[in-house]
């Protein structure tokens, strides 16, 4: 991915939502929950029902992100990471490309809001 595109996206606004603000939309299927942490971080647990798509793939080759973007372009995407920083970066990048994305903070915030944290699926 072009580094200038990434830098430009950092000046785009993306919504910052709490897990409570997002959970009903995720449960209804209106929105998808996405974990943008790296694969090595997923072993410690992921939010239940989260799609696991690393930020490095979004800003790189888009091996997994490319098909996901094409298949789910009409959905709203709620992103989280370890502390909320990478989720914010990913949300701004996606918003700059015309997608509906928001930063929903950290996995800890999801867990504190009562969202189940589970082991990742074996194929991730």
Protein backbone atom coordinates (compact mmCIF):
# COMPACT_ATOMS: atom_id res chain seq x y z
CA UNK A 1 0.00 0.00 0.00
CA UNK A 2 1.16 3.49 -0.77
CA UNK A 3 2.61 5.14 2.35
CA UNK A 4 1.17 8.50 1.31
CA UNK A 5 -2.32 6.99 1.23
CA UNK A 6 -1.82 5.77 4.81
CA UNK A 7 -0.54 9.18 5.96
CA UNK A 8 -3.44 10.97 4.24
CA UNK A 9 -5.91 8.64 5.95
CA UNK A 10 -4.58 9.66 9.37
CA UNK A 11 -6.21 13.05 8.83
CA UNK A 12 -9.63 11.53 8.11
CA UNK A 13 -12.15 11.33 10.93
CA UNK A 14 -13.62 7.97 11.89
CA UNK A 15 -16.24 7.44 14.59
CA UNK A 16 -15.11 6.25 18.03
CA UNK A 17 -17.78 4.00 19.55
CA UNK A 18 -17.94 2.04 22.77
CA UNK A 19 -18.71 -1.68 22.82
CA UNK A 20 -22.12 -0.84 24.29
CA UNK A 21 -22.88 1.46 21.35
CA UNK A 22 -21.89 -1.21 18.83
CA UNK A 23 -22.97 -4.52 20.33
CA UNK A 24 -26.64 -4.44 19.26
CA UNK A 25 -25.65 -3.77 15.64
CA UNK A 26 -23.15 -6.62 15.72
CA UNK A 27 -25.61 -9.06 17.28
CA UNK A 28 -28.26 -8.15 14.70
CA UNK A 29 -25.83 -8.72 11.81
CA UNK A 30 -25.94 -5.09 10.71
CA UNK A 31 -22.27 -4.64 11.64
CA UNK A 32 -19.24 -6.92 11.80
CA UNK A 33 -16.74 -6.92 14.65
CA UNK A 34 -13.14 -7.02 13.45
CA UNK A 35 -9.96 -7.66 15.45
CA UNK A 36 -7.07 -5.85 13.74
CA UNK A 37 -4.37 -7.14 16.09
CA UNK A 38 -1.62 -9.32 14.66
CA UNK A 39 -2.06 -13.12 14.53
CA UNK A 40 0.43 -13.65 17.35
CA UNK A 41 -1.85 -11.62 19.64
CA UNK A 42 -4.97 -13.66 18.92
CA UNK A 43 -3.71 -16.69 20.87
CA UNK A 44 -4.56 -14.90 24.13
CA UNK A 45 -8.22 -14.66 23.15
CA UNK A 46 -10.48 -12.74 20.79
CA UNK A 47 -13.91 -11.19 21.11
CA UNK A 48 -16.59 -13.74 20.28
CA UNK A 49 -17.80 -13.46 16.67
CA UNK A 50 -14.88 -11.21 15.68
CA UNK A 51 -13.39 -11.51 12.22
CA UNK A 52 -9.60 -11.70 12.56
CA UNK A 53 -7.93 -9.40 10.02
CA UNK A 54 -4.53 -7.95 10.94
CA UNK A 55 -3.77 -4.27 10.36
CA UNK A 56 -0.51 -5.29 8.66
CA UNK A 57 -2.53 -7.08 5.96
CA UNK A 58 -4.80 -4.04 5.51
CA UNK A 59 -1.80 -1.78 4.94
CA UNK A 60 0.12 -4.44 2.99
CA UNK A 61 -0.83 -7.09 0.44
CA UNK A 62 -4.48 -7.40 1.55
CA UNK A 63 -4.37 -11.16 1.18
CA UNK A 64 -7.23 -11.60 3.66
CA UNK A 65 -8.57 -8.04 3.68
CA UNK A 66 -9.09 -7.89 -0.11
CA UNK A 67 -11.68 -10.67 -0.32
CA UNK A 68 -13.30 -9.46 2.91
CA UNK A 69 -13.68 -5.91 1.57
CA UNK A 70 -15.25 -7.19 -1.64
CA UNK A 71 -17.64 -9.56 0.12
CA UNK A 72 -18.78 -7.26 2.94
CA UNK A 73 -18.63 -3.77 1.41
CA UNK A 74 -22.23 -2.99 2.40
CA UNK A 75 -21.71 -3.74 6.10
CA UNK A 76 -20.64 -1.47 8.89
CA UNK A 77 -17.33 -2.54 10.45
CA UNK A 78 -16.53 -2.14 14.13
CA UNK A 79 -12.81 -2.49 14.77
CA UNK A 80 -10.86 -3.18 17.94
CA UNK A 81 -7.24 -3.98 18.80
CA UNK A 82 -5.03 -4.16 21.88
CA UNK A 83 -5.37 -0.55 23.02
CA UNK A 84 -7.53 1.17 20.38
CA UNK A 85 -4.73 2.86 18.44
CA UNK A 86 -4.46 0.41 15.55
CA UNK A 87 -8.25 0.13 15.36
CA UNK A 88 -8.37 3.90 14.95
CA UNK A 89 -5.75 3.80 12.20
CA UNK A 90 -7.58 1.02 10.38
CA UNK A 91 -10.96 2.76 10.73
CA UNK A 92 -9.59 6.02 9.31
CA UNK A 93 -7.97 4.18 6.40
CA UNK A 94 -11.20 2.32 5.61
CA UNK A 95 -13.32 5.47 5.91
CA UNK A 96 -10.92 7.24 3.51
CA UNK A 97 -11.67 4.43 1.03
CA UNK A 98 -15.43 4.91 1.36
CA UNK A 99 -16.30 2.12 3.82
CA UNK A 100 -18.35 2.47 7.02
CA UNK A 101 -15.90 1.75 9.82
CA UNK A 102 -15.50 2.80 13.43
CA UNK A 103 -12.94 2.41 16.19
CA UNK A 104 -14.41 0.49 19.11
CA UNK A 105 -11.30 0.55 21.26
CA UNK A 106 -9.59 -2.40 22.86
CA UNK A 107 -10.29 -6.05 23.56
CA UNK A 108 -10.19 -5.18 27.26
CA UNK A 109 -13.06 -2.69 26.76
CA UNK A 110 -15.11 -5.41 25.05
CA UNK A 111 -14.42 -7.87 27.86
CA UNK A 112 -15.30 -5.26 30.51
CA UNK A 113 -18.58 -4.60 28.70
CA UNK A 114 -19.45 -8.28 29.08
CA UNK A 115 -18.70 -9.44 25.54
CA UNK A 116 -17.33 -13.01 25.65
CA UNK A 117 -13.63 -13.49 24.93
CA UNK A 118 -12.90 -16.88 23.37
CA UNK A 119 -9.94 -18.75 21.89
CA UNK A 120 -9.44 -18.04 18.18
CA UNK A 121 -10.72 -20.55 15.65
CA UNK A 122 -8.14 -23.20 14.81
CA UNK A 123 -7.79 -22.03 11.18
CA UNK A 124 -6.57 -18.51 12.08
